[in-house]
Amino acid sequence: MYVGFALFRFKKGQGKFALKHMRKHLNTVKQVKGFIHGYVAKSIEFDHEYLVIEEYETKEAQEEAQNKISKEATLKPNEYIKFGKIMKEKPRIEIFKKKEVTHGKITATQKKMFEMIKKKDKLMKAKKKKLTSKKIKKKTTKKKTIKKKVKKIVKKKK
């Protein structure tokens, strides 16, 4: 599965046109075989920011969708030019390959990984505890030997 996202920041007051254009964009890519899901999300914090997310079964489906958009841009250049001009900055566009889907549940691989981390933590704690107990034993042994030496010295002087 391939996931594409684009983060758009528009000039203030251009949200209505931007949203209309992005919805058209999604309707175009929905027609591609291999398209799974897509949506436009508006920022809660900034009124002029939008996130577009698209999911595809294959990389080829995602590429086909991009080709379809490029063809549409040549057919309706004025609309795409206006869309480009209302942007505050160049959008961030990324494509990811989704390897595991958890949907709130831990996968078997993740579970094994967590167990390995827990075991490693336990071993580290045990090692640390062992080292500290050795240090304490050494200190107490040194103190005892020093006390013994002091006692011998004191006895000799008497």
Protein backbone atom coordinates (compact mmCIF):
# COMPACT_ATOMS: atom_id res chain seq x y z
CA MET A 1 0.00 0.00 0.00
CA TYR A 2 1.25 3.49 -0.85
CA VAL A 3 0.26 6.62 1.01
CA GLY A 4 0.71 10.09 -0.40
CA PHE A 5 0.23 13.28 1.53
CA ALA A 6 0.47 16.94 0.68
CA LEU A 7 0.48 19.81 3.14
CA PHE A 8 -0.80 23.03 1.60
CA ARG A 9 -0.60 26.54 3.06
CA PHE A 10 -2.66 29.12 1.24
CA LYS A 11 -2.88 32.88 1.36
CA LYS A 12 -5.58 34.04 3.75
CA GLY A 13 -9.05 34.24 2.25
CA GLN A 14 -8.30 31.65 -0.47
CA GLY A 15 -9.52 28.58 1.42
CA LYS A 16 -12.82 28.27 -0.41
CA PHE A 17 -11.25 28.04 -3.87
CA ALA A 18 -8.44 25.80 -2.56
CA LEU A 19 -10.89 23.34 -0.99
CA LYS A 20 -12.98 23.23 -4.17
CA HIS A 21 -9.87 22.55 -6.26
CA MET A 22 -8.56 19.83 -3.92
CA ARG A 23 -11.94 18.07 -3.96
CA LYS A 24 -11.85 18.05 -7.77
CA HIS A 25 -8.34 16.65 -7.56
CA LEU A 26 -9.55 13.82 -5.29
CA ASN A 27 -12.49 13.05 -7.59
CA THR A 28 -10.03 12.70 -10.46
CA VAL A 29 -7.70 10.29 -8.64
CA LYS A 30 -10.63 8.26 -7.27
CA GLN A 31 -11.20 7.01 -10.82
CA VAL A 32 -7.78 5.33 -10.92
CA LYS A 33 -7.80 1.57 -10.49
CA GLY A 34 -5.93 0.84 -7.25
CA PHE A 35 -7.09 3.96 -5.45
CA ILE A 36 -8.17 3.01 -1.90
CA HIS A 37 -8.98 6.13 0.07
CA GLY A 38 -8.44 9.85 0.12
CA TYR A 39 -9.53 12.92 2.04
CA VAL A 40 -8.87 16.58 2.65
CA ALA A 41 -8.40 17.76 6.25
CA LYS A 42 -8.47 21.39 7.36
CA SER A 43 -6.16 22.59 10.11
CA ILE A 44 -7.80 23.39 13.43
CA GLU A 45 -5.09 25.85 14.36
CA PHE A 46 -4.54 27.64 11.03
CA ASP A 47 -7.54 28.46 8.87
CA HIS A 48 -5.48 28.46 5.66
CA GLU A 49 -3.75 25.03 6.01
CA TYR A 50 -4.98 21.79 4.45
CA LEU A 51 -3.72 18.23 4.41
CA VAL A 52 -4.56 15.91 1.51
CA ILE A 53 -4.07 12.17 2.05
CA GLU A 54 -4.39 9.48 -0.61
CA GLU A 55 -3.92 5.71 -0.33
CA TYR A 56 -3.19 3.37 -3.25
CA GLU A 57 -2.76 -0.38 -3.57
CA THR A 58 0.39 -0.09 -5.69
CA LYS A 59 3.07 2.40 -6.63
CA GLU A 60 1.88 2.18 -10.23
CA ALA A 61 -1.65 3.24 -9.20
CA GLN A 62 -0.19 6.24 -7.38
CA GLU A 63 1.92 7.16 -10.42
CA GLU A 64 -1.10 6.79 -12.71
CA ALA A 65 -3.07 9.16 -10.48
CA GLN A 66 -0.26 11.74 -10.73
CA ASN A 67 -0.24 11.36 -14.53
CA LYS A 68 -3.99 11.90 -14.58
CA ILE A 69 -3.58 15.11 -12.57
CA SER A 70 -0.82 16.31 -14.91
CA LYS A 71 -3.06 15.70 -17.95
CA GLU A 72 -5.92 17.55 -16.25
CA ALA A 73 -3.57 20.47 -15.53
CA THR A 74 -2.79 20.78 -19.25
CA LEU A 75 -6.52 20.69 -20.09
CA LYS A 76 -7.46 23.33 -17.48
CA PRO A 77 -4.26 25.40 -17.11
CA ASN A 78 -5.99 28.55 -15.77
CA GLU A 79 -7.42 26.68 -12.78
CA TYR A 80 -4.06 25.10 -11.92
CA ILE A 81 -2.22 28.39 -12.41
CA LYS A 82 -4.66 30.10 -10.02
CA PHE A 83 -4.23 27.23 -7.55
CA GLY A 84 -0.46 27.71 -7.70
CA LYS A 85 -0.75 31.48 -7.18
CA ILE A 86 -2.95 31.25 -4.05
CA MET A 87 -0.37 29.15 -2.20
CA LYS A 88 1.58 30.88 0.54
CA GLU A 89 4.54 28.55 -0.05
CA LYS A 90 5.44 25.45 -2.04
CA PRO A 91 3.49 22.45 -0.68
CA ARG A 92 5.21 19.58 1.05
CA ILE A 93 4.38 16.42 -0.89
CA GLU A 94 5.56 12.96 0.21
CA ILE A 95 4.91 9.34 -0.77
CA PHE A 96 5.37 6.48 1.71
CA LYS A 97 5.18 2.72 1.38
CA LYS A 98 2.99 1.39 4.15
CA LYS A 99 4.42 -1.90 5.41
CA GLU A 100 2.28 -2.66 8.44
CA VAL A 101 -1.16 -1.50 9.40
CA THR A 102 -2.00 -1.58 13.09
CA HIS A 103 -5.35 0.22 13.39
CA GLY A 104 -4.72 0.60 17.11
CA LYS A 105 -3.67 -3.03 17.58
CA ILE A 106 -0.10 -4.23 17.91
CA THR A 107 1.10 -6.48 15.08
CA ALA A 108 2.99 -9.71 15.75
CA THR A 109 6.27 -8.11 14.62
CA GLN A 110 5.76 -5.11 16.89
CA LYS A 111 4.88 -7.43 19.79
CA LYS A 112 8.13 -9.39 19.31
CA MET A 113 10.07 -6.16 19.15
CA PHE A 114 8.49 -4.87 22.39
CA GLU A 115 9.25 -8.20 24.12
CA MET A 116 12.89 -8.02 22.99
CA ILE A 117 13.16 -4.47 24.32
CA LYS A 118 11.64 -5.53 27.66
CA LYS A 119 14.10 -8.45 27.94
CA LYS A 120 17.00 -6.17 27.13
CA ASP A 121 15.84 -3.68 29.78
CA LYS A 122 15.56 -6.44 32.39
CA LEU A 123 19.07 -7.68 31.57
CA MET A 124 20.48 -4.16 31.79
CA LYS A 125 18.77 -3.57 35.15
CA ALA A 126 20.05 -6.91 36.47
CA LYS A 127 23.59 -6.09 35.31
CA LYS A 128 23.42 -2.67 36.90
CA LYS A 129 22.11 -4.15 40.16
CA LYS A 130 24.88 -6.77 40.15
CA LEU A 131 27.54 -4.13 39.53
CA THR A 132 26.25 -1.88 42.32
CA SER A 133 26.06 -4.78 44.76
CA LYS A 134 29.68 -5.70 43.87
CA LYS A 135 30.78 -2.12 44.48
CA ILE A 136 28.99 -2.08 47.85
CA LYS A 137 30.64 -5.39 48.82
CA LYS A 138 34.06 -4.04 47.85
CA LYS A 139 33.50 -0.88 49.89
CA THR A 140 32.31 -2.81 52.96
CA THR A 141 35.20 -5.26 52.62
CA LYS A 142 37.68 -2.37 52.40
CA LYS A 143 36.13 -0.75 55.45
CA LYS A 144 36.36 -4.03 57.40
CA THR A 145 39.99 -4.56 56.45
CA ILE A 146 40.82 -0.97 57.39
CA LYS A 147 39.07 -1.42 60.74
CA LYS A 148 41.01 -4.64 61.34
CA LYS A 149 44.30 -2.94 60.51
CA VAL A 150 43.45 -0.02 62.79
CA LYS A 151 42.60 -2.46 65.62
CA LYS A 152 45.91 -4.33 65.14
CA ILE A 153 47.82 -1.07 65.21
CA VAL A 154 45.99 0.05 68.34
CA LYS A 155 46.67 -3.33 70.05
CA LYS A 156 50.37 -3.18 69.19
CA LYS A 157 50.67 0.29 70.69
CA LYS A 158 49.08 -0.88 73.98
